[in-house]
Amino acid sequence: MSSFLKEMKVRPAFKLWFEIGEKYVFGEGTYNLLDQIRKRKSISAAARATNMSYRYAWDLIKEVEEHL
């Protein structure tokens, strides 16, 4: 095995998202927002922590609720 391969740290990774039909519903950004809401108990604080505007975060939550 080459020294290049020995020095590389290879690890499995994946991304998961949910779709209903062809419509994207829930992914990493939504998960991160909801996790921050759980931790911070505030949509506003969670939006700041995930670099989203409050309006975008609120619209994202409403959209996910409509599809679930």
PDB file of N, CA and C in Angstrom:
ATOM      1  N   MET A   1       0.852  -1.180   0.000  1.00  0.00           N
ATOM      2  CA  MET A   1       0.000   0.000   0.000  1.00  0.00           C
ATOM      3  C   MET A   1       0.891   1.234   0.000  1.00  0.00           C
ATOM      4  N   SER A   2       0.520   2.215  -0.802  1.00  0.00           N
ATOM      5  CA  SER A   2       1.340   3.420  -0.898  1.00  0.00           C
ATOM      6  C   SER A   2       1.244   4.241   0.382  1.00  0.00           C
ATOM      7  N   SER A   3       2.265   5.050   0.632  1.00  0.00           N
ATOM      8  CA  SER A   3       2.257   5.897   1.832  1.00  0.00           C
ATOM      9  C   SER A   3       1.124   6.914   1.770  1.00  0.00           C
ATOM     10  N   PHE A   4       0.743   7.327   0.553  1.00  0.00           N
ATOM     11  CA  PHE A   4      -0.373   8.266   0.395  1.00  0.00           C
ATOM     12  C   PHE A   4      -1.655   7.658   0.957  1.00  0.00           C
ATOM     13  N   LEU A   5      -1.928   6.407   0.605  1.00  0.00           N
ATOM     14  CA  LEU A   5      -3.141   5.750   1.093  1.00  0.00           C
ATOM     15  C   LEU A   5      -3.078   5.490   2.592  1.00  0.00           C
ATOM     16  N   LYS A   6      -1.906   5.213   3.109  1.00  0.00           N
ATOM     17  CA  LYS A   6      -1.771   4.977   4.542  1.00  0.00           C
ATOM     18  C   LYS A   6      -2.061   6.240   5.343  1.00  0.00           C
ATOM     19  N   GLU A   7      -1.725   7.395   4.799  1.00  0.00           N
ATOM     20  CA  GLU A   7      -1.912   8.653   5.517  1.00  0.00           C
ATOM     21  C   GLU A   7      -3.330   9.202   5.392  1.00  0.00           C
ATOM     22  N   MET A   8      -4.058   8.786   4.375  1.00  0.00           N
ATOM     23  CA  MET A   8      -5.428   9.274   4.201  1.00  0.00           C
ATOM     24  C   MET A   8      -6.331   8.669   5.262  1.00  0.00           C
ATOM     25  N   LYS A   9      -7.193   9.484   5.789  1.00  0.00           N
ATOM     26  CA  LYS A   9      -8.182   8.982   6.731  1.00  0.00           C
ATOM     27  C   LYS A   9      -9.507   8.899   5.977  1.00  0.00           C
ATOM     28  N   VAL A  10      -9.862   7.713   5.591  1.00  0.00           N
ATOM     29  CA  VAL A  10     -11.081   7.486   4.831  1.00  0.00           C
ATOM     30  C   VAL A  10     -12.172   7.051   5.797  1.00  0.00           C
ATOM     31  N   ARG A  11     -13.313   7.681   5.664  1.00  0.00           N
ATOM     32  CA  ARG A  11     -14.438   7.300   6.507  1.00  0.00           C
ATOM     33  C   ARG A  11     -15.708   7.372   5.673  1.00  0.00           C
ATOM     34  N   PRO A  12     -16.675   6.533   5.972  1.00  0.00           N
ATOM     35  CA  PRO A  12     -17.927   6.600   5.227  1.00  0.00           C
ATOM     36  C   PRO A  12     -18.711   7.851   5.617  1.00  0.00           C
ATOM     37  N   ALA A  13     -19.444   8.394   4.673  1.00  0.00           N
ATOM     38  CA  ALA A  13     -20.291   9.552   4.931  1.00  0.00           C
ATOM     39  C   ALA A  13     -21.492   9.478   3.996  1.00  0.00           C
ATOM     40  N   PHE A  14     -22.581  10.052   4.439  1.00  0.00           N
ATOM     41  CA  PHE A  14     -23.767  10.091   3.596  1.00  0.00           C
ATOM     42  C   PHE A  14     -24.645  11.250   4.021  1.00  0.00           C
ATOM     43  N   LYS A  15     -25.567  11.605   3.148  1.00  0.00           N
ATOM     44  CA  LYS A  15     -26.582  12.606   3.461  1.00  0.00           C
ATOM     45  C   LYS A  15     -27.935  11.944   3.276  1.00  0.00           C
ATOM     46  N   LEU A  16     -28.844  12.290   4.141  1.00  0.00           N
ATOM     47  CA  LEU A  16     -30.179  11.722   4.106  1.00  0.00           C
ATOM     48  C   LEU A  16     -31.187  12.847   4.003  1.00  0.00           C
ATOM     49  N   TRP A  17     -32.180  12.675   3.159  1.00  0.00           N
ATOM     50  CA  TRP A  17     -33.269  13.638   3.088  1.00  0.00           C
ATOM     51  C   TRP A  17     -34.539  12.871   2.775  1.00  0.00           C
ATOM     52  N   PHE A  18     -35.656  13.519   2.996  1.00  0.00           N
ATOM     53  CA  PHE A  18     -36.949  12.906   2.736  1.00  0.00           C
ATOM     54  C   PHE A  18     -37.655  13.665   1.629  1.00  0.00           C
ATOM     55  N   GLU A  19     -38.302  12.914   0.769  1.00  0.00           N
ATOM     56  CA  GLU A  19     -39.105  13.487  -0.300  1.00  0.00           C
ATOM     57  C   GLU A  19     -40.485  12.847  -0.249  1.00  0.00           C
ATOM     58  N   ILE A  20     -41.490  13.627  -0.595  1.00  0.00           N
ATOM     59  CA  ILE A  20     -42.830  13.095  -0.797  1.00  0.00           C
ATOM     60  C   ILE A  20     -43.121  13.308  -2.273  1.00  0.00           C
ATOM     61  N   GLY A  21     -43.256  12.214  -2.990  1.00  0.00           N
ATOM     62  CA  GLY A  21     -43.332  12.314  -4.446  1.00  0.00           C
ATOM     63  C   GLY A  21     -41.995  12.839  -4.943  1.00  0.00           C
ATOM     64  N   GLU A  22     -42.025  13.921  -5.658  1.00  0.00           N
ATOM     65  CA  GLU A  22     -40.805  14.560  -6.152  1.00  0.00           C
ATOM     66  C   GLU A  22     -40.420  15.765  -5.308  1.00  0.00           C
ATOM     67  N   LYS A  23     -41.163  16.026  -4.239  1.00  0.00           N
ATOM     68  CA  LYS A  23     -40.985  17.241  -3.438  1.00  0.00           C
ATOM     69  C   LYS A  23     -40.056  16.972  -2.252  1.00  0.00           C
ATOM     70  N   TYR A  24     -38.974  17.749  -2.178  1.00  0.00           N
ATOM     71  CA  TYR A  24     -38.061  17.708  -1.034  1.00  0.00           C
ATOM     72  C   TYR A  24     -38.813  18.211   0.193  1.00  0.00           C
ATOM     73  N   VAL A  25     -38.720  17.484   1.302  1.00  0.00           N
ATOM     74  CA  VAL A  25     -39.456  17.862   2.503  1.00  0.00           C
ATOM     75  C   VAL A  25     -38.538  18.136   3.687  1.00  0.00           C
ATOM     76  N   PHE A  26     -37.527  17.320   3.889  1.00  0.00           N
ATOM     77  CA  PHE A  26     -36.775  17.385   5.135  1.00  0.00           C
ATOM     78  C   PHE A  26     -35.359  16.915   4.864  1.00  0.00           C
ATOM     79  N   GLY A  27     -34.375  17.727   5.271  1.00  0.00           N
ATOM     80  CA  GLY A  27     -32.981  17.353   5.077  1.00  0.00           C
ATOM     81  C   GLY A  27     -32.111  17.868   6.208  1.00  0.00           C
ATOM     82  N   GLU A  28     -30.841  17.986   5.926  1.00  0.00           N
ATOM     83  CA  GLU A  28     -29.862  18.362   6.945  1.00  0.00           C
ATOM     84  C   GLU A  28     -30.137  19.741   7.541  1.00  0.00           C
ATOM     85  N   GLY A  29     -30.467  20.708   6.705  1.00  0.00           N
ATOM     86  CA  GLY A  29     -30.735  22.058   7.206  1.00  0.00           C
ATOM     87  C   GLY A  29     -31.931  22.101   8.131  1.00  0.00           C
ATOM     88  N   THR A  30     -32.993  21.399   7.746  1.00  0.00           N
ATOM     89  CA  THR A  30     -34.188  21.340   8.589  1.00  0.00           C
ATOM     90  C   THR A  30     -33.875  20.637   9.898  1.00  0.00           C
ATOM     91  N   TYR A  31     -33.139  19.529   9.815  1.00  0.00           N
ATOM     92  CA  TYR A  31     -32.751  18.813  11.031  1.00  0.00           C
ATOM     93  C   TYR A  31     -31.944  19.722  11.952  1.00  0.00           C
ATOM     94  N   ASN A  32     -30.963  20.420  11.398  1.00  0.00           N
ATOM     95  CA  ASN A  32     -30.127  21.304  12.221  1.00  0.00           C
ATOM     96  C   ASN A  32     -30.954  22.397  12.878  1.00  0.00           C
ATOM     97  N   LEU A  33     -31.893  22.971  12.132  1.00  0.00           N
ATOM     98  CA  LEU A  33     -32.761  24.002  12.700  1.00  0.00           C
ATOM     99  C   LEU A  33     -33.588  23.436  13.849  1.00  0.00           C
ATOM    100  N   LEU A  34     -34.230  22.294  13.640  1.00  0.00           N
ATOM    101  CA  LEU A  34     -35.059  21.702  14.695  1.00  0.00           C
ATOM    102  C   LEU A  34     -34.225  21.302  15.911  1.00  0.00           C
ATOM    103  N   ASP A  35     -33.029  20.814  15.673  1.00  0.00           N
ATOM    104  CA  ASP A  35     -32.138  20.458  16.781  1.00  0.00           C
ATOM    105  C   ASP A  35     -31.762  21.696  17.591  1.00  0.00           C
ATOM    106  N   GLN A  36     -31.490  22.800  16.910  1.00  0.00           N
ATOM    107  CA  GLN A  36     -31.153  24.045  17.614  1.00  0.00           C
ATOM    108  C   GLN A  36     -32.366  24.610  18.359  1.00  0.00           C
ATOM    109  N   ILE A  37     -33.552  24.459  17.782  1.00  0.00           N
ATOM    110  CA  ILE A  37     -34.762  24.889  18.500  1.00  0.00           C
ATOM    111  C   ILE A  37     -34.901  24.082  19.785  1.00  0.00           C
ATOM    112  N   ARG A  38     -34.677  22.776  19.694  1.00  0.00           N
ATOM    113  CA  ARG A  38     -34.750  21.915  20.880  1.00  0.00           C
ATOM    114  C   ARG A  38     -33.740  22.362  21.937  1.00  0.00           C
ATOM    115  N   LYS A  39     -32.535  22.662  21.518  1.00  0.00           N
ATOM    116  CA  LYS A  39     -31.481  23.040  22.462  1.00  0.00           C
ATOM    117  C   LYS A  39     -31.678  24.436  23.036  1.00  0.00           C
ATOM    118  N   ARG A  40     -32.104  25.367  22.206  1.00  0.00           N
ATOM    119  CA  ARG A  40     -32.156  26.771  22.618  1.00  0.00           C
ATOM    120  C   ARG A  40     -33.540  27.229  23.048  1.00  0.00           C
ATOM    121  N   LYS A  41     -34.555  26.409  22.759  1.00  0.00           N
ATOM    122  CA  LYS A  41     -35.945  26.737  23.133  1.00  0.00           C
ATOM    123  C   LYS A  41     -36.420  28.031  22.489  1.00  0.00           C
ATOM    124  N   SER A  42     -35.888  28.363  21.314  1.00  0.00           N
ATOM    125  CA  SER A  42     -36.229  29.622  20.658  1.00  0.00           C
ATOM    126  C   SER A  42     -35.987  29.495  19.154  1.00  0.00           C
ATOM    127  N   ILE A  43     -36.999  29.817  18.364  1.00  0.00           N
ATOM    128  CA  ILE A  43     -36.829  29.799  16.909  1.00  0.00           C
ATOM    129  C   ILE A  43     -35.837  30.873  16.488  1.00  0.00           C
ATOM    130  N   SER A  44     -35.930  32.026  17.097  1.00  0.00           N
ATOM    131  CA  SER A  44     -35.035  33.132  16.750  1.00  0.00           C
ATOM    132  C   SER A  44     -33.574  32.771  17.020  1.00  0.00           C
ATOM    133  N   ALA A  45     -33.301  32.213  18.193  1.00  0.00           N
ATOM    134  CA  ALA A  45     -31.928  31.825  18.540  1.00  0.00           C
ATOM    135  C   ALA A  45     -31.448  30.685  17.647  1.00  0.00           C
ATOM    136  N   ALA A  46     -32.338  29.760  17.334  1.00  0.00           N
ATOM    137  CA  ALA A  46     -31.976  28.641  16.464  1.00  0.00           C
ATOM    138  C   ALA A  46     -31.667  29.133  15.053  1.00  0.00           C
ATOM    139  N   ALA A  47     -32.447  30.083  14.570  1.00  0.00           N
ATOM    140  CA  ALA A  47     -32.196  30.644  13.239  1.00  0.00           C
ATOM    141  C   ALA A  47     -30.822  31.309  13.196  1.00  0.00           C
ATOM    142  N   ARG A  48     -30.493  32.074  14.215  1.00  0.00           N
ATOM    143  CA  ARG A  48     -29.162  32.707  14.267  1.00  0.00           C
ATOM    144  C   ARG A  48     -28.060  31.652  14.293  1.00  0.00           C
ATOM    145  N   ALA A  49     -28.257  30.598  15.084  1.00  0.00           N
ATOM    146  CA  ALA A  49     -27.237  29.553  15.224  1.00  0.00           C
ATOM    147  C   ALA A  49     -27.016  28.783  13.925  1.00  0.00           C
ATOM    148  N   THR A  50     -28.028  28.725  13.078  1.00  0.00           N
ATOM    149  CA  THR A  50     -27.911  27.994  11.815  1.00  0.00           C
ATOM    150  C   THR A  50     -27.745  28.931  10.619  1.00  0.00           C
ATOM    151  N   ASN A  51     -27.493  30.200  10.904  1.00  0.00           N
ATOM    152  CA  ASN A  51     -27.276  31.210   9.855  1.00  0.00           C
ATOM    153  C   ASN A  51     -28.460  31.339   8.897  1.00  0.00           C
ATOM    154  N   MET A  52     -29.658  31.266   9.456  1.00  0.00           N
ATOM    155  CA  MET A  52     -30.879  31.470   8.680  1.00  0.00           C
ATOM    156  C   MET A  52     -31.558  32.727   9.187  1.00  0.00           C
ATOM    157  N   SER A  53     -32.279  33.373   8.305  1.00  0.00           N
ATOM    158  CA  SER A  53     -33.112  34.473   8.782  1.00  0.00           C
ATOM    159  C   SER A  53     -34.284  33.868   9.551  1.00  0.00           C
ATOM    160  N   TYR A  54     -34.835  34.645  10.458  1.00  0.00           N
ATOM    161  CA  TYR A  54     -35.986  34.181  11.224  1.00  0.00           C
ATOM    162  C   TYR A  54     -37.120  33.825  10.270  1.00  0.00           C
ATOM    163  N   ARG A  55     -37.355  34.666   9.288  1.00  0.00           N
ATOM    164  CA  ARG A  55     -38.440  34.446   8.325  1.00  0.00           C
ATOM    165  C   ARG A  55     -38.237  33.141   7.565  1.00  0.00           C
ATOM    166  N   TYR A  56     -37.009  32.877   7.100  1.00  0.00           N
ATOM    167  CA  TYR A  56     -36.723  31.643   6.367  1.00  0.00           C
ATOM    168  C   TYR A  56     -36.943  30.432   7.267  1.00  0.00           C
ATOM    169  N   ALA A  57     -36.465  30.509   8.509  1.00  0.00           N
ATOM    170  CA  ALA A  57     -36.624  29.401   9.450  1.00  0.00           C
ATOM    171  C   ALA A  57     -38.103  29.122   9.697  1.00  0.00           C
ATOM    172  N   TRP A  58     -38.870  30.168   9.923  1.00  0.00           N
ATOM    173  CA  TRP A  58     -40.296  30.002  10.194  1.00  0.00           C
ATOM    174  C   TRP A  58     -41.004  29.410   8.974  1.00  0.00           C
ATOM    175  N   ASP A  59     -40.695  29.887   7.783  1.00  0.00           N
ATOM    176  CA  ASP A  59     -41.293  29.344   6.561  1.00  0.00           C
ATOM    177  C   ASP A  59     -40.913  27.879   6.355  1.00  0.00           C
ATOM    178  N   LEU A  60     -39.684  27.526   6.681  1.00  0.00           N
ATOM    179  CA  LEU A  60     -39.228  26.146   6.563  1.00  0.00           C
ATOM    180  C   LEU A  60     -40.018  25.240   7.500  1.00  0.00           C
ATOM    181  N   ILE A  61     -40.216  25.679   8.721  1.00  0.00           N
ATOM    182  CA  ILE A  61     -40.991  24.901   9.693  1.00  0.00           C
ATOM    183  C   ILE A  61     -42.426  24.711   9.193  1.00  0.00           C
ATOM    184  N   LYS A  62     -43.034  25.782   8.713  1.00  0.00           N
ATOM    185  CA  LYS A  62     -44.412  25.683   8.209  1.00  0.00           C
ATOM    186  C   LYS A  62     -44.503  24.720   7.029  1.00  0.00           C
ATOM    187  N   GLU A  63     -43.535  24.781   6.127  1.00  0.00           N
ATOM    188  CA  GLU A  63     -43.548  23.902   4.960  1.00  0.00           C
ATOM    189  C   GLU A  63     -43.421  22.437   5.363  1.00  0.00           C
ATOM    190  N   VAL A  64     -42.527  22.149   6.299  1.00  0.00           N
ATOM    191  CA  VAL A  64     -42.356  20.772   6.759  1.00  0.00           C
ATOM    192  C   VAL A  64     -43.631  20.287   7.446  1.00  0.00           C
ATOM    193  N   GLU A  65     -44.233  21.124   8.276  1.00  0.00           N
ATOM    194  CA  GLU A  65     -45.475  20.744   8.957  1.00  0.00           C
ATOM    195  C   GLU A  65     -46.576  20.407   7.958  1.00  0.00           C
ATOM    196  N   GLU A  66     -46.662  21.151   6.880  1.00  0.00           N
ATOM    197  CA  GLU A  66     -47.700  20.911   5.877  1.00  0.00           C
ATOM    198  C   GLU A  66     -47.541  19.558   5.196  1.00  0.00           C
ATOM    199  N   HIS A  67     -46.312  19.066   5.097  1.00  0.00           N
ATOM    200  CA  HIS A  67     -46.061  17.822   4.378  1.00  0.00           C
ATOM    201  C   HIS A  67     -45.990  16.595   5.274  1.00  0.00           C
ATOM    202  N   LEU A  68     -45.899  16.784   6.564  1.00  0.00           N
ATOM    203  CA  LEU A  68     -45.785  15.623   7.462  1.00  0.00           C
ATOM    204  C   LEU A  68     -47.089  15.315   8.146  1.00  0.00           C
TER     205      LEU A  68
END
